[in-house]
């Protein structure tokens, strides 16, 4: 890191940090939507194994498209409350249905895989981004607000 970056004021560091967090969380979510679209059989196996449901190919495509829209909205910071909230919800469902792997990461009861532990900090990242969404200003919403296309918080009373 350069000296200028290290000496940036918090008003500039926080949006930069949130941009980095948002970018990598969106890429994380995006890869799951791409899987549903290009490998619908894999999505069906995951649905059967973790959710206990049979997922037809058409449903895999529909979920993939919906998740793709959410992922791209997250990536761009578009409708932050909705897109960040839906992203957090999507990942929360993943965390909940993988509870066996999370509580037995080393396979002591024959269900573990220590890579599942990464879902916890990822969930924390989604939660932190959602909680700090108003400070994430390097977004499409931030750009629209700066151009007067969105009302300010003072005008909306939020």
Foldseek 3Di string as FASTA:
>chain_A
DDPCLVPDDPLVVVLVVLLVLLQVLLVVLLVQLVCLQPPVVVVQVCCCVQVVDGADNVNSNVVSVVSNVLSVCSNQVNPVLVSLVVSLVVLVVVCVSLVVQCVCQPCPVPNHNVVVVVSVVSSVSSVVCNVCSVSNLNHPVNVCVVVVNDDDCVVVVD
